[in-house]
Amino acid sequence: MKCSQCGFENNDKAKFCTKCGSSLTQMTVENTPKSNNNTKYIIIALVVVIIVLVGCIGFFAMNMTVNHVDSQSPSDNQAEQVDENVSTNEVSSSQSPKTSQVSEKSWELIGSYSGSGSGSKLIEVPEGKIKVELSAYPIKNYATNYLYVTGSNGNGGGVDWGSTSAVETRSDSFSYTSSSSETFTIDYYETVSWQVDFYRYQ
């Protein structure tokens, strides 16, 4: 340690100057506040810098949050508009006429019967709107040839040939509506072939 009085370089642990006897402790005490003051200034400067940095970070974070919210709000509005459009389309589709969904009714074949020669046959026909189509071709006639279809409800039809009739195919048809099933009798005599078809409107 250097003496402030005479400038002599003393041992660092010495309390008095070896040359002039001046106290070295006072000089150490005088020098200590200066170093402490420097440390305080450094700490204060660091605290100020930290405060400024925290303020800047907070400022930028707030700006980014506001910008993020602003950028999202139009898309939210668009989403609401899309939802409104979807619900409108659903309502309009539900209000559309249902006629396209209803299938059109038509005559559907529910039974077909055929044969030849002579004989009879019983047929059970369900309820509903029924149409019957029949046709037959006779054997070369020498008497009366025929095909008759008769229902238990009194409906019926048929074809026949006399002894002088041309040998050719003849056909007939009839329709009726019934709320219950009916029994039909198919009678045929001296035929090469015959056919009876039953249709229901459904």
N, C-alpha and C. Protein backbone atom coordinates (compact mmCIF):
# COMPACT_ATOMS: atom_id res chain seq x y z
N MET A 1 0.86 -1.18 0.00
CA MET A 1 0.00 0.00 0.00
C MET A 1 0.90 1.24 0.00
N LYS A 2 0.58 2.20 -0.81
CA LYS A 2 1.41 3.40 -0.95
C LYS A 2 0.96 4.46 0.02
N CYS A 3 1.93 5.04 0.72
CA CYS A 3 1.62 6.07 1.71
C CYS A 3 1.27 7.37 1.01
N SER A 4 0.18 8.00 1.45
CA SER A 4 -0.26 9.24 0.83
C SER A 4 0.58 10.45 1.26
N GLN A 5 1.35 10.28 2.31
CA GLN A 5 2.15 11.39 2.83
C GLN A 5 3.52 11.44 2.16
N CYS A 6 4.20 10.29 2.17
CA CYS A 6 5.59 10.30 1.65
C CYS A 6 5.75 9.50 0.37
N GLY A 7 4.72 8.72 0.05
CA GLY A 7 4.78 7.96 -1.19
C GLY A 7 5.49 6.64 -1.09
N PHE A 8 5.86 6.28 0.14
CA PHE A 8 6.56 5.01 0.32
C PHE A 8 5.59 3.84 0.12
N GLU A 9 6.10 2.80 -0.52
CA GLU A 9 5.28 1.60 -0.79
C GLU A 9 5.39 0.66 0.39
N ASN A 10 4.32 0.49 1.12
CA ASN A 10 4.28 -0.36 2.31
C ASN A 10 3.60 -1.71 1.99
N ASN A 11 3.70 -2.60 3.00
CA ASN A 11 3.00 -3.89 2.90
C ASN A 11 1.50 -3.64 2.92
N ASP A 12 0.74 -4.49 2.20
CA ASP A 12 -0.70 -4.30 2.10
C ASP A 12 -1.38 -4.42 3.46
N LYS A 13 -0.81 -5.20 4.38
CA LYS A 13 -1.43 -5.40 5.69
C LYS A 13 -0.97 -4.36 6.73
N ALA A 14 -0.06 -3.47 6.34
CA ALA A 14 0.48 -2.49 7.31
C ALA A 14 -0.55 -1.43 7.62
N LYS A 15 -0.62 -1.01 8.88
CA LYS A 15 -1.55 0.03 9.33
C LYS A 15 -0.89 1.40 9.40
N PHE A 16 0.42 1.42 9.48
CA PHE A 16 1.18 2.68 9.54
C PHE A 16 2.31 2.62 8.54
N CYS A 17 2.71 3.76 8.00
CA CYS A 17 3.81 3.85 7.02
C CYS A 17 5.13 3.55 7.71
N THR A 18 5.89 2.66 7.12
CA THR A 18 7.17 2.26 7.71
C THR A 18 8.17 3.42 7.65
N LYS A 19 8.03 4.30 6.71
CA LYS A 19 8.99 5.38 6.52
C LYS A 19 8.65 6.63 7.34
N CYS A 20 7.36 7.07 7.21
CA CYS A 20 7.02 8.32 7.91
C CYS A 20 6.08 8.12 9.08
N GLY A 21 5.53 6.95 9.24
CA GLY A 21 4.69 6.65 10.39
C GLY A 21 3.26 7.13 10.27
N SER A 22 2.92 7.63 9.11
CA SER A 22 1.52 8.08 8.93
C SER A 22 0.57 6.86 8.91
N SER A 23 -0.64 7.15 9.36
CA SER A 23 -1.63 6.05 9.43
C SER A 23 -2.11 5.69 8.00
N LEU A 24 -2.05 4.40 7.72
CA LEU A 24 -2.51 3.92 6.41
C LEU A 24 -4.01 3.54 6.43
N THR A 25 -4.57 3.42 7.67
CA THR A 25 -5.99 3.01 7.80
C THR A 25 -6.92 4.11 7.29
N GLN A 26 -6.58 5.36 7.61
CA GLN A 26 -7.43 6.47 7.16
C GLN A 26 -7.50 6.55 5.65
N MET A 27 -6.40 6.26 5.01
CA MET A 27 -6.37 6.31 3.56
C MET A 27 -7.25 5.20 2.97
N THR A 28 -7.24 4.05 3.63
CA THR A 28 -8.07 2.95 3.15
C THR A 28 -9.55 3.27 3.30
N VAL A 29 -9.85 3.91 4.49
CA VAL A 29 -11.24 4.29 4.74
C VAL A 29 -11.69 5.35 3.74
N GLU A 30 -10.75 6.31 3.45
CA GLU A 30 -11.10 7.36 2.50
C GLU A 30 -11.33 6.80 1.10
N ASN A 31 -10.59 5.79 0.73
CA ASN A 31 -10.72 5.21 -0.62
C ASN A 31 -11.96 4.31 -0.75
N THR A 32 -12.40 3.73 0.40
CA THR A 32 -13.52 2.78 0.36
C THR A 32 -14.82 3.41 -0.11
N PRO A 33 -15.22 4.60 0.40
CA PRO A 33 -16.48 5.20 -0.08
C PRO A 33 -16.51 5.42 -1.57
N LYS A 34 -15.35 5.77 -2.14
CA LYS A 34 -15.33 5.99 -3.59
C LYS A 34 -15.70 4.72 -4.34
N SER A 35 -15.13 3.58 -3.89
CA SER A 35 -15.43 2.31 -4.57
C SER A 35 -16.89 1.92 -4.33
N ASN A 36 -17.37 2.22 -3.09
CA ASN A 36 -18.78 1.90 -2.80
C ASN A 36 -19.71 2.77 -3.64
N ASN A 37 -19.33 4.04 -3.81
CA ASN A 37 -20.14 4.94 -4.63
C ASN A 37 -20.19 4.46 -6.08
N ASN A 38 -19.07 3.99 -6.58
CA ASN A 38 -19.03 3.47 -7.97
C ASN A 38 -19.95 2.26 -8.11
N THR A 39 -19.95 1.40 -7.10
CA THR A 39 -20.81 0.20 -7.14
C THR A 39 -22.28 0.60 -7.13
N LYS A 40 -22.61 1.62 -6.30
CA LYS A 40 -23.99 2.08 -6.24
C LYS A 40 -24.45 2.63 -7.59
N TYR A 41 -23.57 3.39 -8.23
CA TYR A 41 -23.92 3.95 -9.53
C TYR A 41 -24.17 2.84 -10.56
N ILE A 42 -23.33 1.83 -10.51
CA ILE A 42 -23.49 0.71 -11.45
C ILE A 42 -24.81 -0.01 -11.21
N ILE A 43 -25.16 -0.25 -9.93
CA ILE A 43 -26.41 -0.95 -9.59
C ILE A 43 -27.62 -0.13 -10.04
N ILE A 44 -27.54 1.20 -9.77
CA ILE A 44 -28.65 2.07 -10.17
C ILE A 44 -28.82 2.05 -11.69
N ALA A 45 -27.69 2.10 -12.40
CA ALA A 45 -27.75 2.09 -13.86
C ALA A 45 -28.37 0.79 -14.37
N LEU A 46 -27.98 -0.34 -13.74
CA LEU A 46 -28.54 -1.63 -14.14
C LEU A 46 -30.05 -1.69 -13.88
N VAL A 47 -30.47 -1.16 -12.73
CA VAL A 47 -31.90 -1.16 -12.39
C VAL A 47 -32.68 -0.33 -13.41
N VAL A 48 -32.13 0.82 -13.78
CA VAL A 48 -32.79 1.68 -14.76
C VAL A 48 -32.91 0.96 -16.11
N VAL A 49 -31.82 0.31 -16.53
CA VAL A 49 -31.83 -0.41 -17.81
C VAL A 49 -32.88 -1.52 -17.78
N ILE A 50 -32.94 -2.25 -16.65
CA ILE A 50 -33.92 -3.35 -16.53
C ILE A 50 -35.35 -2.81 -16.60
N ILE A 51 -35.58 -1.67 -15.91
CA ILE A 51 -36.93 -1.08 -15.93
C ILE A 51 -37.31 -0.66 -17.34
N VAL A 52 -36.34 -0.05 -18.06
CA VAL A 52 -36.61 0.37 -19.43
C VAL A 52 -36.92 -0.84 -20.32
N LEU A 53 -36.13 -1.91 -20.16
CA LEU A 53 -36.35 -3.12 -20.97
C LEU A 53 -37.72 -3.73 -20.68
N VAL A 54 -38.09 -3.81 -19.40
CA VAL A 54 -39.40 -4.37 -19.04
C VAL A 54 -40.52 -3.52 -19.62
N GLY A 55 -40.35 -2.20 -19.57
CA GLY A 55 -41.37 -1.31 -20.14
C GLY A 55 -41.51 -1.52 -21.64
N CYS A 56 -40.36 -1.64 -22.33
CA CYS A 56 -40.41 -1.85 -23.79
C CYS A 56 -41.08 -3.18 -24.14
N ILE A 57 -40.71 -4.23 -23.42
CA ILE A 57 -41.30 -5.55 -23.68
C ILE A 57 -42.82 -5.52 -23.45
N GLY A 58 -43.22 -4.88 -22.34
CA GLY A 58 -44.66 -4.78 -22.07
C GLY A 58 -45.39 -4.00 -23.14
N PHE A 59 -44.77 -2.91 -23.62
CA PHE A 59 -45.39 -2.10 -24.66
C PHE A 59 -45.59 -2.90 -25.94
N PHE A 60 -44.53 -3.61 -26.38
CA PHE A 60 -44.64 -4.41 -27.60
C PHE A 60 -45.63 -5.55 -27.43
N ALA A 61 -45.67 -6.15 -26.25
CA ALA A 61 -46.62 -7.26 -26.02
C ALA A 61 -48.06 -6.76 -26.10
N MET A 62 -48.32 -5.58 -25.56
CA MET A 62 -49.67 -5.02 -25.63
C MET A 62 -50.08 -4.73 -27.07
N ASN A 63 -49.15 -4.17 -27.85
CA ASN A 63 -49.45 -3.87 -29.25
C ASN A 63 -49.72 -5.13 -30.05
N MET A 64 -48.94 -6.19 -29.79
CA MET A 64 -49.14 -7.44 -30.52
C MET A 64 -50.49 -8.06 -30.17
N THR A 65 -50.91 -7.97 -28.91
CA THR A 65 -52.20 -8.52 -28.49
C THR A 65 -53.35 -7.79 -29.17
N VAL A 66 -53.27 -6.45 -29.21
CA VAL A 66 -54.32 -5.65 -29.84
C VAL A 66 -54.40 -5.98 -31.32
N ASN A 67 -53.24 -6.08 -32.00
CA ASN A 67 -53.23 -6.39 -33.43
C ASN A 67 -53.81 -7.77 -33.69
N HIS A 68 -53.50 -8.74 -32.81
CA HIS A 68 -54.00 -10.10 -32.98
C HIS A 68 -55.53 -10.14 -32.85
N VAL A 69 -56.06 -9.40 -31.88
CA VAL A 69 -57.52 -9.35 -31.70
C VAL A 69 -58.18 -8.70 -32.89
N ASP A 70 -57.58 -7.59 -33.40
CA ASP A 70 -58.15 -6.91 -34.56
C ASP A 70 -58.14 -7.78 -35.79
N SER A 71 -57.05 -8.56 -35.97
CA SER A 71 -56.96 -9.41 -37.15
C SER A 71 -57.94 -10.56 -37.09
N GLN A 72 -58.33 -10.99 -35.88
CA GLN A 72 -59.25 -12.11 -35.76
C GLN A 72 -60.71 -11.68 -35.90
N SER A 73 -61.03 -10.45 -35.56
CA SER A 73 -62.43 -10.04 -35.55
C SER A 73 -63.09 -10.13 -36.93
N PRO A 74 -62.45 -9.77 -38.06
CA PRO A 74 -63.12 -9.92 -39.35
C PRO A 74 -63.44 -11.37 -39.67
N SER A 75 -62.49 -12.28 -39.34
CA SER A 75 -62.74 -13.68 -39.64
C SER A 75 -63.90 -14.21 -38.83
N ASP A 76 -64.05 -13.71 -37.59
CA ASP A 76 -65.20 -14.12 -36.78
C ASP A 76 -66.49 -13.66 -37.43
N ASN A 77 -66.46 -12.41 -37.96
CA ASN A 77 -67.65 -11.92 -38.64
C ASN A 77 -67.95 -12.76 -39.87
N GLN A 78 -66.89 -13.14 -40.60
CA GLN A 78 -67.09 -13.97 -41.78
C GLN A 78 -67.67 -15.31 -41.39
N ALA A 79 -67.16 -15.87 -40.27
CA ALA A 79 -67.69 -17.17 -39.83
C ALA A 79 -69.16 -17.05 -39.50
N GLU A 80 -69.55 -15.92 -38.85
CA GLU A 80 -70.96 -15.74 -38.53
C GLU A 80 -71.78 -15.64 -39.80
N GLN A 81 -71.23 -14.93 -40.81
CA GLN A 81 -71.96 -14.81 -42.06
C GLN A 81 -72.11 -16.15 -42.74
N VAL A 82 -71.06 -16.97 -42.71
CA VAL A 82 -71.14 -18.30 -43.31
C VAL A 82 -72.19 -19.12 -42.61
N ASP A 83 -72.21 -19.06 -41.26
CA ASP A 83 -73.21 -19.83 -40.52
C ASP A 83 -74.62 -19.39 -40.88
N GLU A 84 -74.80 -18.05 -41.05
CA GLU A 84 -76.12 -17.56 -41.41
C GLU A 84 -76.52 -18.08 -42.78
N ASN A 85 -75.55 -18.09 -43.72
CA ASN A 85 -75.85 -18.59 -45.06
C ASN A 85 -76.22 -20.06 -45.02
N VAL A 86 -75.51 -20.84 -44.23
CA VAL A 86 -75.78 -22.27 -44.15
C VAL A 86 -77.18 -22.50 -43.61
N SER A 87 -77.53 -21.79 -42.52
CA SER A 87 -78.85 -21.99 -41.94
C SER A 87 -79.94 -21.56 -42.92
N THR A 88 -79.67 -20.51 -43.71
CA THR A 88 -80.65 -20.06 -44.69
C THR A 88 -80.86 -21.13 -45.76
N ASN A 89 -79.74 -21.73 -46.21
CA ASN A 89 -79.85 -22.76 -47.22
C ASN A 89 -80.61 -23.97 -46.70
N GLU A 90 -80.37 -24.31 -45.44
CA GLU A 90 -81.06 -25.46 -44.87
C GLU A 90 -82.56 -25.19 -44.81
N VAL A 91 -82.94 -23.95 -44.44
CA VAL A 91 -84.36 -23.62 -44.36
C VAL A 91 -84.99 -23.68 -45.75
N SER A 92 -84.27 -23.12 -46.74
CA SER A 92 -84.84 -23.11 -48.07
C SER A 92 -84.99 -24.52 -48.61
N SER A 93 -84.00 -25.40 -48.30
CA SER A 93 -84.11 -26.77 -48.79
C SER A 93 -85.23 -27.51 -48.10
N SER A 94 -85.45 -27.18 -46.82
CA SER A 94 -86.54 -27.86 -46.11
C SER A 94 -87.90 -27.37 -46.58
N GLN A 95 -87.94 -26.14 -47.16
CA GLN A 95 -89.20 -25.60 -47.64
C GLN A 95 -89.48 -25.98 -49.09
N SER A 96 -88.52 -26.67 -49.73
CA SER A 96 -88.73 -27.03 -51.12
C SER A 96 -89.83 -28.07 -51.23
N PRO A 97 -90.53 -28.09 -52.35
CA PRO A 97 -91.64 -29.03 -52.51
C PRO A 97 -91.18 -30.47 -52.39
N LYS A 98 -92.02 -31.30 -51.82
CA LYS A 98 -91.68 -32.70 -51.59
C LYS A 98 -92.18 -33.60 -52.73
N THR A 99 -92.68 -32.99 -53.78
CA THR A 99 -93.22 -33.79 -54.86
C THR A 99 -92.15 -34.64 -55.52
N SER A 100 -90.89 -34.12 -55.54
CA SER A 100 -89.82 -34.88 -56.17
C SER A 100 -89.48 -36.14 -55.37
N GLN A 101 -89.75 -36.11 -54.06
CA GLN A 101 -89.42 -37.26 -53.23
C GLN A 101 -90.48 -38.35 -53.33
N VAL A 102 -91.69 -37.99 -53.75
CA VAL A 102 -92.77 -38.97 -53.84
C VAL A 102 -92.65 -39.70 -55.17
N SER A 103 -92.48 -41.01 -55.11
CA SER A 103 -92.35 -41.78 -56.34
C SER A 103 -93.72 -41.92 -57.01
N GLU A 104 -93.73 -41.84 -58.33
CA GLU A 104 -94.97 -41.94 -59.07
C GLU A 104 -95.45 -43.38 -59.07
N LYS A 105 -96.76 -43.54 -58.94
CA LYS A 105 -97.34 -44.87 -58.96
C LYS A 105 -97.43 -45.39 -60.39
N SER A 106 -97.43 -46.71 -60.51
CA SER A 106 -97.54 -47.33 -61.82
C SER A 106 -98.12 -48.72 -61.67
N TRP A 107 -98.48 -49.33 -62.80
CA TRP A 107 -98.99 -50.69 -62.77
C TRP A 107 -97.82 -51.66 -62.62
N GLU A 108 -97.89 -52.47 -61.59
CA GLU A 108 -96.83 -53.45 -61.34
C GLU A 108 -97.42 -54.85 -61.41
N LEU A 109 -96.71 -55.73 -62.11
CA LEU A 109 -97.16 -57.10 -62.27
C LEU A 109 -97.10 -57.84 -60.94
N ILE A 110 -98.23 -58.42 -60.52
CA ILE A 110 -98.26 -59.17 -59.24
C ILE A 110 -98.52 -60.67 -59.46
N GLY A 111 -98.83 -61.07 -60.71
CA GLY A 111 -99.03 -62.50 -60.99
C GLY A 111 -99.23 -62.74 -62.47
N SER A 112 -98.57 -63.78 -62.99
CA SER A 112 -98.70 -64.13 -64.40
C SER A 112 -98.92 -65.64 -64.49
N TYR A 113 -99.96 -66.05 -65.25
CA TYR A 113 -100.34 -67.46 -65.34
C TYR A 113 -100.54 -67.83 -66.81
N SER A 114 -100.13 -69.03 -67.17
CA SER A 114 -100.26 -69.47 -68.56
C SER A 114 -100.47 -70.99 -68.60
N GLY A 115 -100.89 -71.47 -69.75
CA GLY A 115 -101.12 -72.90 -69.91
C GLY A 115 -101.63 -73.21 -71.30
N SER A 116 -102.19 -74.43 -71.45
CA SER A 116 -102.74 -74.86 -72.73
C SER A 116 -103.76 -75.97 -72.48
N GLY A 117 -104.50 -76.34 -73.53
CA GLY A 117 -105.49 -77.39 -73.39
C GLY A 117 -106.78 -76.89 -72.77
N SER A 118 -107.37 -77.73 -71.91
CA SER A 118 -108.64 -77.39 -71.26
C SER A 118 -108.50 -77.58 -69.76
N GLY A 119 -109.21 -76.76 -68.98
CA GLY A 119 -109.15 -76.89 -67.54
C GLY A 119 -109.58 -75.61 -66.84
N SER A 120 -109.26 -75.54 -65.56
CA SER A 120 -109.58 -74.34 -64.77
C SER A 120 -108.54 -74.16 -63.67
N LYS A 121 -108.46 -72.95 -63.17
CA LYS A 121 -107.44 -72.61 -62.17
C LYS A 121 -108.00 -71.54 -61.27
N LEU A 122 -107.74 -71.65 -59.94
CA LEU A 122 -108.18 -70.63 -58.97
C LEU A 122 -106.99 -69.75 -58.61
N ILE A 123 -107.21 -68.43 -58.58
CA ILE A 123 -106.15 -67.46 -58.29
C ILE A 123 -106.64 -66.54 -57.18
N GLU A 124 -105.82 -66.31 -56.16
CA GLU A 124 -106.12 -65.36 -55.10
C GLU A 124 -105.43 -64.04 -55.42
N VAL A 125 -106.20 -62.96 -55.50
CA VAL A 125 -105.67 -61.64 -55.89
C VAL A 125 -105.84 -60.69 -54.70
N PRO A 126 -104.80 -59.94 -54.32
CA PRO A 126 -104.90 -59.03 -53.16
C PRO A 126 -105.79 -57.82 -53.45
N GLU A 127 -106.07 -57.04 -52.38
CA GLU A 127 -106.90 -55.85 -52.54
C GLU A 127 -106.14 -54.76 -53.26
N GLY A 128 -106.88 -53.74 -53.71
CA GLY A 128 -106.28 -52.59 -54.38
C GLY A 128 -106.92 -52.35 -55.73
N LYS A 129 -106.25 -51.50 -56.50
CA LYS A 129 -106.70 -51.21 -57.86
C LYS A 129 -106.03 -52.23 -58.78
N ILE A 130 -106.83 -53.10 -59.37
CA ILE A 130 -106.32 -54.26 -60.10
C ILE A 130 -106.69 -54.15 -61.58
N LYS A 131 -105.76 -54.57 -62.43
CA LYS A 131 -106.02 -54.67 -63.87
C LYS A 131 -105.67 -56.09 -64.32
N VAL A 132 -106.51 -56.67 -65.16
CA VAL A 132 -106.30 -58.04 -65.64
C VAL A 132 -106.21 -58.01 -67.16
N GLU A 133 -105.13 -58.60 -67.70
CA GLU A 133 -104.96 -58.71 -69.15
C GLU A 133 -104.89 -60.20 -69.50
N LEU A 134 -105.62 -60.61 -70.55
CA LEU A 134 -105.66 -62.04 -70.92
C LEU A 134 -105.62 -62.19 -72.43
N SER A 135 -105.08 -63.30 -72.86
CA SER A 135 -105.04 -63.61 -74.30
C SER A 135 -104.95 -65.13 -74.45
N ALA A 136 -105.41 -65.63 -75.62
CA ALA A 136 -105.39 -67.07 -75.88
C ALA A 136 -105.36 -67.34 -77.38
N TYR A 137 -104.86 -68.53 -77.73
CA TYR A 137 -104.84 -68.98 -79.13
C TYR A 137 -105.51 -70.36 -79.16
N PRO A 138 -106.56 -70.54 -80.00
CA PRO A 138 -107.34 -71.78 -79.96
C PRO A 138 -106.76 -72.90 -80.81
N ILE A 139 -107.15 -74.11 -80.46
CA ILE A 139 -106.89 -75.24 -81.34
C ILE A 139 -107.80 -75.08 -82.56
N LYS A 140 -107.41 -75.66 -83.71
CA LYS A 140 -108.26 -75.59 -84.90
C LYS A 140 -109.68 -76.01 -84.50
N ASN A 141 -110.56 -75.07 -84.63
CA ASN A 141 -111.87 -75.24 -83.99
C ASN A 141 -112.83 -76.12 -84.79
N TYR A 142 -113.55 -76.90 -84.02
CA TYR A 142 -114.67 -77.67 -84.52
C TYR A 142 -115.85 -77.51 -83.57
N ALA A 143 -115.58 -76.66 -82.47
CA ALA A 143 -116.62 -76.35 -81.48
C ALA A 143 -116.29 -74.98 -80.91
N THR A 144 -116.79 -74.72 -79.69
CA THR A 144 -116.52 -73.42 -79.08
C THR A 144 -115.24 -73.50 -78.25
N ASN A 145 -114.29 -72.63 -78.54
CA ASN A 145 -113.04 -72.51 -77.77
C ASN A 145 -113.15 -71.23 -76.94
N TYR A 146 -112.55 -71.24 -75.72
CA TYR A 146 -112.68 -70.02 -74.91
C TYR A 146 -111.60 -69.94 -73.82
N LEU A 147 -111.51 -68.70 -73.27
CA LEU A 147 -110.71 -68.40 -72.06
C LEU A 147 -111.49 -67.35 -71.28
N TYR A 148 -111.94 -67.72 -70.09
CA TYR A 148 -112.72 -66.79 -69.25
C TYR A 148 -112.02 -66.63 -67.90
N VAL A 149 -112.01 -65.36 -67.43
CA VAL A 149 -111.47 -65.04 -66.10
C VAL A 149 -112.59 -64.37 -65.32
N THR A 150 -113.03 -65.00 -64.21
CA THR A 150 -114.18 -64.50 -63.46
C THR A 150 -113.80 -64.38 -61.98
N GLY A 151 -114.14 -63.20 -61.39
CA GLY A 151 -113.82 -62.95 -59.99
C GLY A 151 -115.01 -63.15 -59.08
N SER A 152 -114.72 -63.38 -57.77
CA SER A 152 -115.79 -63.55 -56.79
C SER A 152 -116.56 -62.26 -56.56
N ASN A 153 -116.02 -61.13 -57.00
CA ASN A 153 -116.70 -59.84 -56.88
C ASN A 153 -117.58 -59.53 -58.09
N GLY A 154 -117.67 -60.48 -59.04
CA GLY A 154 -118.51 -60.28 -60.22
C GLY A 154 -117.78 -59.70 -61.40
N ASN A 155 -116.54 -59.26 -61.24
CA ASN A 155 -115.76 -58.71 -62.35
C ASN A 155 -115.19 -59.86 -63.17
N GLY A 156 -115.04 -59.63 -64.47
CA GLY A 156 -114.48 -60.68 -65.31
C GLY A 156 -114.36 -60.24 -66.75
N GLY A 157 -113.77 -61.11 -67.55
CA GLY A 157 -113.59 -60.87 -68.97
C GLY A 157 -113.18 -62.17 -69.63
N GLY A 158 -113.07 -62.16 -70.95
CA GLY A 158 -112.66 -63.37 -71.64
C GLY A 158 -112.77 -63.26 -73.13
N VAL A 159 -112.34 -64.32 -73.82
CA VAL A 159 -112.40 -64.41 -75.28
C VAL A 159 -112.93 -65.81 -75.64
N ASP A 160 -113.59 -65.92 -76.83
CA ASP A 160 -114.05 -67.23 -77.30
C ASP A 160 -114.13 -67.24 -78.82
N TRP A 161 -114.25 -68.46 -79.37
CA TRP A 161 -114.32 -68.65 -80.81
C TRP A 161 -115.47 -69.62 -81.12
N GLY A 162 -116.11 -69.37 -82.19
CA GLY A 162 -117.15 -70.31 -82.64
C GLY A 162 -116.58 -71.27 -83.67
N SER A 163 -117.45 -72.11 -84.15
CA SER A 163 -117.01 -73.13 -85.10
C SER A 163 -116.59 -72.55 -86.44
N THR A 164 -117.04 -71.35 -86.70
CA THR A 164 -116.68 -70.71 -87.97
C THR A 164 -115.71 -69.55 -87.80
N SER A 165 -115.21 -69.37 -86.55
CA SER A 165 -114.30 -68.23 -86.29
C SER A 165 -112.91 -68.53 -86.84
N ALA A 166 -112.22 -67.47 -87.20
CA ALA A 166 -110.83 -67.60 -87.66
C ALA A 166 -109.96 -68.05 -86.50
N VAL A 167 -109.02 -68.91 -86.79
CA VAL A 167 -108.10 -69.39 -85.75
C VAL A 167 -107.01 -68.32 -85.59
N GLU A 168 -107.16 -67.54 -84.55
CA GLU A 168 -106.22 -66.43 -84.31
C GLU A 168 -106.19 -66.09 -82.82
N THR A 169 -105.17 -65.34 -82.41
CA THR A 169 -105.06 -64.91 -81.01
C THR A 169 -106.05 -63.80 -80.74
N ARG A 170 -106.73 -63.94 -79.60
CA ARG A 170 -107.63 -62.88 -79.16
C ARG A 170 -107.24 -62.48 -77.73
N SER A 171 -107.55 -61.21 -77.40
CA SER A 171 -107.17 -60.70 -76.07
C SER A 171 -108.26 -59.81 -75.51
N ASP A 172 -108.21 -59.63 -74.18
CA ASP A 172 -109.19 -58.81 -73.49
C ASP A 172 -108.55 -58.29 -72.21
N SER A 173 -109.17 -57.26 -71.60
CA SER A 173 -108.66 -56.74 -70.32
C SER A 173 -109.80 -56.07 -69.56
N PHE A 174 -109.65 -55.98 -68.26
CA PHE A 174 -110.62 -55.27 -67.41
C PHE A 174 -109.90 -54.86 -66.13
N SER A 175 -110.49 -53.92 -65.41
CA SER A 175 -109.89 -53.44 -64.15
C SER A 175 -110.98 -53.19 -63.13
N TYR A 176 -110.59 -53.15 -61.86
CA TYR A 176 -111.53 -52.92 -60.77
C TYR A 176 -110.75 -52.46 -59.54
N THR A 177 -111.46 -51.98 -58.53
CA THR A 177 -110.86 -51.59 -57.26
C THR A 177 -111.61 -52.29 -56.13
N SER A 178 -110.85 -52.91 -55.23
CA SER A 178 -111.47 -53.66 -54.14
C SER A 178 -110.68 -53.44 -52.86
N SER A 179 -111.39 -53.37 -51.72
CA SER A 179 -110.75 -53.18 -50.43
C SER A 179 -110.39 -54.50 -49.75
N SER A 180 -110.67 -55.61 -50.42
CA SER A 180 -110.34 -56.93 -49.87
C SER A 180 -109.84 -57.83 -51.00
N SER A 181 -109.20 -58.90 -50.64
CA SER A 181 -108.70 -59.84 -51.65
C SER A 181 -109.86 -60.55 -52.34
N GLU A 182 -109.64 -60.94 -53.58
CA GLU A 182 -110.66 -61.61 -54.38
C GLU A 182 -110.11 -62.92 -54.95
N THR A 183 -111.02 -63.87 -55.20
CA THR A 183 -110.65 -65.14 -55.81
C THR A 183 -111.14 -65.15 -57.26
N PHE A 184 -110.21 -65.43 -58.18
CA PHE A 184 -110.55 -65.48 -59.59
C PHE A 184 -110.42 -66.92 -60.10
N THR A 185 -111.34 -67.26 -61.02
CA THR A 185 -111.30 -68.56 -61.67
C THR A 185 -110.93 -68.37 -63.14
N ILE A 186 -109.89 -69.08 -63.56
CA ILE A 186 -109.49 -69.06 -64.96
C ILE A 186 -110.00 -70.35 -65.60
N ASP A 187 -110.95 -70.22 -66.53
CA ASP A 187 -111.50 -71.36 -67.28
C ASP A 187 -111.01 -71.30 -68.72
N TYR A 188 -110.54 -72.43 -69.23
CA TYR A 188 -110.05 -72.45 -70.61
C TYR A 188 -110.42 -73.79 -71.26
N TYR A 189 -110.68 -73.72 -72.57
CA TYR A 189 -111.13 -74.93 -73.28
C TYR A 189 -110.56 -74.94 -74.69
N GLU A 190 -109.93 -76.05 -75.05
CA GLU A 190 -109.39 -76.29 -76.38
C GLU A 190 -108.49 -75.13 -76.85
N THR A 191 -107.43 -74.90 -76.06
CA THR A 191 -106.50 -73.82 -76.40
C THR A 191 -105.12 -74.40 -76.68
N VAL A 192 -104.45 -73.77 -77.62
CA VAL A 192 -103.04 -74.09 -77.86
C VAL A 192 -102.18 -73.44 -76.79
N SER A 193 -102.54 -72.20 -76.42
CA SER A 193 -101.83 -71.47 -75.34
C SER A 193 -102.72 -70.36 -74.82
N TRP A 194 -102.54 -70.02 -73.58
CA TRP A 194 -103.26 -68.89 -72.98
C TRP A 194 -102.38 -68.25 -71.91
N GLN A 195 -102.67 -66.96 -71.59
CA GLN A 195 -101.91 -66.24 -70.57
C GLN A 195 -102.81 -65.21 -69.92
N VAL A 196 -102.71 -65.13 -68.57
CA VAL A 196 -103.47 -64.13 -67.81
C VAL A 196 -102.49 -63.42 -66.88
N ASP A 197 -102.44 -62.06 -66.94
CA ASP A 197 -101.54 -61.25 -66.12
C ASP A 197 -102.36 -60.35 -65.21
N PHE A 198 -102.00 -60.31 -63.94
CA PHE A 198 -102.65 -59.44 -62.96
C PHE A 198 -101.69 -58.32 -62.57
N TYR A 199 -102.17 -57.07 -62.62
CA TYR A 199 -101.38 -55.89 -62.26
C TYR A 199 -102.07 -55.15 -61.12
N ARG A 200 -101.26 -54.53 -60.26
CA ARG A 200 -101.81 -53.67 -59.22
C ARG A 200 -101.19 -52.28 -59.34
N TYR A 201 -102.02 -51.25 -59.18
CA TYR A 201 -101.54 -49.87 -59.28
C TYR A 201 -100.95 -49.47 -57.92
N GLN A 202 -99.63 -49.30 -57.90
CA GLN A 202 -98.93 -48.99 -56.63
C GLN A 202 -97.64 -48.26 -56.88
